[in-house]
């Protein structure tokens, strides 16, 4: 039996050695897998290239190695898909609510509370004015002024807590 001097093989032999199809070897060549003159492939160079350029699952015979840019993008895309699926599941379970709906509900509640406070001033001012023996319109004006200032302070405090 003659001694093998070179590790140069055909695409189909390289495919068998790398554990991929011949079509995949052609794809890898297009991605930069080194090819010797006359289309032969050095197994040592091919395995080293696979280790440097393909992730473990794709390299098979390459034995892992560095993660290529395309692989990193796929990994990030998969991570985003998993996160999106987790959020959809939490939303379906009722653990999450729609942000716009929540903001609209909070705004409506705050407006209703503001209106109730201002209406209280209008409702109690005449009674208090009679009890104190003062002008009802002037008392209502002063109470409204103080209530609006109080509501503004509450709104500023709430806004400061959000930021």
C-alpha atoms as a PDB file:
ATOM      1  CA  UNK A   1       0.000   0.000   0.000  1.00  0.00           C
ATOM      2  CA  UNK A   2       1.474   3.385  -1.018  1.00  0.00           C
ATOM      3  CA  UNK A   3       2.149   5.964   1.678  1.00  0.00           C
ATOM      4  CA  UNK A   4      -0.097   9.050   1.619  1.00  0.00           C
ATOM      5  CA  UNK A   5       2.098  12.075   1.170  1.00  0.00           C
ATOM      6  CA  UNK A   6      -0.635  14.735   1.022  1.00  0.00           C
ATOM      7  CA  UNK A   7      -3.937  15.352   2.776  1.00  0.00           C
ATOM      8  CA  UNK A   8      -5.404  16.896  -0.395  1.00  0.00           C
ATOM      9  CA  UNK A   9      -8.788  15.357  -1.202  1.00  0.00           C
ATOM     10  CA  UNK A  10     -11.768  15.914  -3.478  1.00  0.00           C
ATOM     11  CA  UNK A  11     -14.878  17.810  -2.380  1.00  0.00           C
ATOM     12  CA  UNK A  12     -16.783  14.584  -1.810  1.00  0.00           C
ATOM     13  CA  UNK A  13     -13.942  13.121   0.280  1.00  0.00           C
ATOM     14  CA  UNK A  14     -13.691  16.368   2.247  1.00  0.00           C
ATOM     15  CA  UNK A  15     -17.461  16.255   2.801  1.00  0.00           C
ATOM     16  CA  UNK A  16     -17.213  12.737   4.203  1.00  0.00           C
ATOM     17  CA  UNK A  17     -14.262  13.694   6.423  1.00  0.00           C
ATOM     18  CA  UNK A  18     -16.027  16.806   7.719  1.00  0.00           C
ATOM     19  CA  UNK A  19     -19.358  15.035   8.162  1.00  0.00           C
ATOM     20  CA  UNK A  20     -21.281  17.292   5.776  1.00  0.00           C
ATOM     21  CA  UNK A  21     -22.758  16.955   2.323  1.00  0.00           C
ATOM     22  CA  UNK A  22     -20.778  17.795  -0.831  1.00  0.00           C
ATOM     23  CA  UNK A  23     -23.233  20.652  -1.422  1.00  0.00           C
ATOM     24  CA  UNK A  24     -22.350  22.027   2.020  1.00  0.00           C
ATOM     25  CA  UNK A  25     -18.657  21.888   1.136  1.00  0.00           C
ATOM     26  CA  UNK A  26     -19.440  24.006  -1.927  1.00  0.00           C
ATOM     27  CA  UNK A  27     -21.254  26.504   0.344  1.00  0.00           C
ATOM     28  CA  UNK A  28     -18.310  26.542   2.741  1.00  0.00           C
ATOM     29  CA  UNK A  29     -15.935  27.224  -0.151  1.00  0.00           C
ATOM     30  CA  UNK A  30     -18.128  30.203  -1.086  1.00  0.00           C
ATOM     31  CA  UNK A  31     -17.829  31.354   2.554  1.00  0.00           C
ATOM     32  CA  UNK A  32     -14.028  31.141   2.398  1.00  0.00           C
ATOM     33  CA  UNK A  33     -13.003  27.514   2.972  1.00  0.00           C
ATOM     34  CA  UNK A  34      -9.511  27.302   1.426  1.00  0.00           C
ATOM     35  CA  UNK A  35      -9.163  25.320  -1.795  1.00  0.00           C
ATOM     36  CA  UNK A  36      -5.871  24.228  -3.316  1.00  0.00           C
ATOM     37  CA  UNK A  37      -5.089  24.351  -7.036  1.00  0.00           C
ATOM     38  CA  UNK A  38      -7.123  21.937  -9.184  1.00  0.00           C
ATOM     39  CA  UNK A  39     -10.014  22.130  -6.689  1.00  0.00           C
ATOM     40  CA  UNK A  40      -8.444  19.868  -4.076  1.00  0.00           C
ATOM     41  CA  UNK A  41      -9.016  20.515  -0.377  1.00  0.00           C
ATOM     42  CA  UNK A  42      -6.479  20.130   2.395  1.00  0.00           C
ATOM     43  CA  UNK A  43      -8.240  18.343   5.269  1.00  0.00           C
ATOM     44  CA  UNK A  44      -5.983  19.945   7.863  1.00  0.00           C
ATOM     45  CA  UNK A  45      -6.669  23.436   6.501  1.00  0.00           C
ATOM     46  CA  UNK A  46     -10.387  22.666   6.096  1.00  0.00           C
ATOM     47  CA  UNK A  47     -10.721  21.482   9.708  1.00  0.00           C
ATOM     48  CA  UNK A  48      -8.788  24.495  10.986  1.00  0.00           C
ATOM     49  CA  UNK A  49     -10.930  26.860   8.903  1.00  0.00           C
ATOM     50  CA  UNK A  50     -14.131  25.226  10.188  1.00  0.00           C
ATOM     51  CA  UNK A  51     -12.901  25.526  13.773  1.00  0.00           C
ATOM     52  CA  UNK A  52     -12.181  29.232  13.268  1.00  0.00           C
ATOM     53  CA  UNK A  53     -15.269  30.165  11.260  1.00  0.00           C
ATOM     54  CA  UNK A  54     -18.150  27.910  12.263  1.00  0.00           C
ATOM     55  CA  UNK A  55     -19.890  27.284  15.554  1.00  0.00           C
ATOM     56  CA  UNK A  56     -19.712  23.793  17.076  1.00  0.00           C
ATOM     57  CA  UNK A  57     -23.045  22.622  15.687  1.00  0.00           C
ATOM     58  CA  UNK A  58     -22.180  23.626  12.143  1.00  0.00           C
ATOM     59  CA  UNK A  59     -18.540  22.650  12.189  1.00  0.00           C
ATOM     60  CA  UNK A  60     -19.097  19.012  13.274  1.00  0.00           C
ATOM     61  CA  UNK A  61     -15.604  17.820  12.371  1.00  0.00           C
ATOM     62  CA  UNK A  62     -14.160  21.262  13.040  1.00  0.00           C
ATOM     63  CA  UNK A  63     -14.524  20.764  16.774  1.00  0.00           C
ATOM     64  CA  UNK A  64     -16.185  24.087  17.670  1.00  0.00           C
ATOM     65  CA  UNK A  65     -14.065  27.191  17.660  1.00  0.00           C
ATOM     66  CA  UNK A  66     -14.851  30.858  17.306  1.00  0.00           C
ATOM     67  CA  UNK A  67     -18.399  32.017  16.766  1.00  0.00           C
ATOM     68  CA  UNK A  68     -18.830  33.787  13.443  1.00  0.00           C
ATOM     69  CA  UNK A  69     -20.708  37.081  13.027  1.00  0.00           C
ATOM     70  CA  UNK A  70     -23.668  35.377  11.336  1.00  0.00           C
ATOM     71  CA  UNK A  71     -23.910  32.922  14.206  1.00  0.00           C
ATOM     72  CA  UNK A  72     -23.865  35.728  16.768  1.00  0.00           C
ATOM     73  CA  UNK A  73     -26.685  37.446  14.881  1.00  0.00           C
ATOM     74  CA  UNK A  74     -28.697  34.200  14.841  1.00  0.00           C
ATOM     75  CA  UNK A  75     -28.101  33.719  18.565  1.00  0.00           C
ATOM     76  CA  UNK A  76     -29.281  37.275  19.300  1.00  0.00           C
ATOM     77  CA  UNK A  77     -32.315  36.799  17.059  1.00  0.00           C
ATOM     78  CA  UNK A  78     -33.176  33.585  18.883  1.00  0.00           C
ATOM     79  CA  UNK A  79     -32.774  35.377  22.227  1.00  0.00           C
ATOM     80  CA  UNK A  80     -35.161  38.114  21.099  1.00  0.00           C
ATOM     81  CA  UNK A  81     -37.682  35.537  19.884  1.00  0.00           C
ATOM     82  CA  UNK A  82     -37.553  33.695  23.204  1.00  0.00           C
ATOM     83  CA  UNK A  83     -38.010  36.958  25.132  1.00  0.00           C
ATOM     84  CA  UNK A  84     -40.945  37.962  22.918  1.00  0.00           C
ATOM     85  CA  UNK A  85     -42.567  34.545  23.432  1.00  0.00           C
ATOM     86  CA  UNK A  86     -42.059  34.846  27.208  1.00  0.00           C
ATOM     87  CA  UNK A  87     -43.710  38.271  27.230  1.00  0.00           C
ATOM     88  CA  UNK A  88     -46.643  36.989  25.151  1.00  0.00           C
ATOM     89  CA  UNK A  89     -47.080  34.115  27.604  1.00  0.00           C
ATOM     90  CA  UNK A  90     -47.030  36.470  30.595  1.00  0.00           C
ATOM     91  CA  UNK A  91     -49.525  38.736  28.834  1.00  0.00           C
ATOM     92  CA  UNK A  92     -51.814  35.756  28.138  1.00  0.00           C
ATOM     93  CA  UNK A  93     -51.596  34.739  31.794  1.00  0.00           C
ATOM     94  CA  UNK A  94     -52.617  38.268  32.820  1.00  0.00           C
ATOM     95  CA  UNK A  95     -49.279  39.109  34.402  1.00  0.00           C
ATOM     96  CA  UNK A  96     -48.706  41.954  31.923  1.00  0.00           C
ATOM     97  CA  UNK A  97     -50.983  44.730  30.722  1.00  0.00           C
ATOM     98  CA  UNK A  98     -50.869  46.952  27.680  1.00  0.00           C
ATOM     99  CA  UNK A  99     -48.869  50.090  28.518  1.00  0.00           C
ATOM    100  CA  UNK A 100     -51.110  52.473  26.548  1.00  0.00           C
ATOM    101  CA  UNK A 101     -54.233  51.062  28.203  1.00  0.00           C
ATOM    102  CA  UNK A 102     -52.635  51.386  31.652  1.00  0.00           C
ATOM    103  CA  UNK A 103     -51.549  54.985  30.967  1.00  0.00           C
ATOM    104  CA  UNK A 104     -55.039  55.863  29.713  1.00  0.00           C
ATOM    105  CA  UNK A 105     -56.612  54.339  32.833  1.00  0.00           C
ATOM    106  CA  UNK A 106     -54.216  56.194  35.149  1.00  0.00           C
ATOM    107  CA  UNK A 107     -54.816  59.477  33.328  1.00  0.00           C
ATOM    108  CA  UNK A 108     -58.606  59.008  33.507  1.00  0.00           C
ATOM    109  CA  UNK A 109     -58.389  58.205  37.230  1.00  0.00           C
ATOM    110  CA  UNK A 110     -56.219  61.272  37.926  1.00  0.00           C
ATOM    111  CA  UNK A 111     -58.592  63.510  35.980  1.00  0.00           C
ATOM    112  CA  UNK A 112     -61.596  62.103  37.882  1.00  0.00           C
ATOM    113  CA  UNK A 113     -59.863  62.727  41.221  1.00  0.00           C
ATOM    114  CA  UNK A 114     -58.941  66.285  40.210  1.00  0.00           C
ATOM    115  CA  UNK A 115     -62.519  66.978  39.137  1.00  0.00           C
ATOM    116  CA  UNK A 116     -63.853  65.500  42.396  1.00  0.00           C
ATOM    117  CA  UNK A 117     -61.571  67.736  44.491  1.00  0.00           C
ATOM    118  CA  UNK A 118     -62.598  70.851  42.560  1.00  0.00           C
ATOM    119  CA  UNK A 119     -66.262  69.884  42.790  1.00  0.00           C
ATOM    120  CA  UNK A 120     -65.888  69.456  46.553  1.00  0.00           C
ATOM    121  CA  UNK A 121     -64.761  73.077  46.849  1.00  0.00           C
ATOM    122  CA  UNK A 122     -67.836  74.261  44.919  1.00  0.00           C
ATOM    123  CA  UNK A 123     -70.099  72.048  47.053  1.00  0.00           C
ATOM    124  CA  UNK A 124     -68.781  72.982  50.529  1.00  0.00           C
ATOM    125  CA  UNK A 125     -67.844  76.649  50.027  1.00  0.00           C
ATOM    126  CA  UNK A 126     -71.411  78.001  50.500  1.00  0.00           C
ATOM    127  CA  UNK A 127     -71.978  75.914  53.659  1.00  0.00           C
ATOM    128  CA  UNK A 128     -68.660  76.973  55.198  1.00  0.00           C
ATOM    129  CA  UNK A 129     -69.289  80.613  54.212  1.00  0.00           C
ATOM    130  CA  UNK A 130     -72.636  80.595  56.034  1.00  0.00           C
ATOM    131  CA  UNK A 131     -71.079  78.964  59.108  1.00  0.00           C
ATOM    132  CA  UNK A 132     -68.272  81.539  59.186  1.00  0.00           C
ATOM    133  CA  UNK A 133     -70.409  84.462  58.158  1.00  0.00           C
ATOM    134  CA  UNK A 134     -68.169  85.405  55.184  1.00  0.00           C
ATOM    135  CA  UNK A 135     -68.793  86.094  51.497  1.00  0.00           C
ATOM    136  CA  UNK A 136     -69.451  82.709  49.762  1.00  0.00           C
ATOM    137  CA  UNK A 137     -68.038  83.751  46.381  1.00  0.00           C
ATOM    138  CA  UNK A 138     -64.802  85.033  47.894  1.00  0.00           C
ATOM    139  CA  UNK A 139     -64.402  81.899  50.046  1.00  0.00           C
ATOM    140  CA  UNK A 140     -65.009  79.695  46.999  1.00  0.00           C
ATOM    141  CA  UNK A 141     -62.422  81.649  44.987  1.00  0.00           C
ATOM    142  CA  UNK A 142     -59.807  81.301  47.737  1.00  0.00           C
ATOM    143  CA  UNK A 143     -60.523  77.605  48.303  1.00  0.00           C
ATOM    144  CA  UNK A 144     -60.333  76.903  44.548  1.00  0.00           C
ATOM    145  CA  UNK A 145     -57.020  78.764  44.348  1.00  0.00           C
ATOM    146  CA  UNK A 146     -55.589  76.738  47.258  1.00  0.00           C
ATOM    147  CA  UNK A 147     -56.991  73.455  45.913  1.00  0.00           C
ATOM    148  CA  UNK A 148     -55.494  74.020  42.438  1.00  0.00           C
ATOM    149  CA  UNK A 149     -52.126  74.836  43.998  1.00  0.00           C
ATOM    150  CA  UNK A 150     -52.370  71.684  46.131  1.00  0.00           C
ATOM    151  CA  UNK A 151     -53.255  69.547  43.081  1.00  0.00           C
ATOM    152  CA  UNK A 152     -50.368  71.051  41.110  1.00  0.00           C
ATOM    153  CA  UNK A 153     -47.948  70.196  43.941  1.00  0.00           C
ATOM    154  CA  UNK A 154     -49.270  66.612  44.002  1.00  0.00           C
ATOM    155  CA  UNK A 155     -48.837  66.310  40.226  1.00  0.00           C
ATOM    156  CA  UNK A 156     -45.273  67.645  40.389  1.00  0.00           C
ATOM    157  CA  UNK A 157     -44.412  65.242  43.211  1.00  0.00           C
ATOM    158  CA  UNK A 158     -45.882  62.301  41.265  1.00  0.00           C
ATOM    159  CA  UNK A 159     -43.962  63.303  38.146  1.00  0.00           C
ATOM    160  CA  UNK A 160     -40.730  63.603  40.130  1.00  0.00           C
ATOM    161  CA  UNK A 161     -41.244  60.074  41.477  1.00  0.00           C
ATOM    162  CA  UNK A 162     -41.547  58.729  37.919  1.00  0.00           C
ATOM    163  CA  UNK A 163     -38.257  60.254  36.795  1.00  0.00           C
END
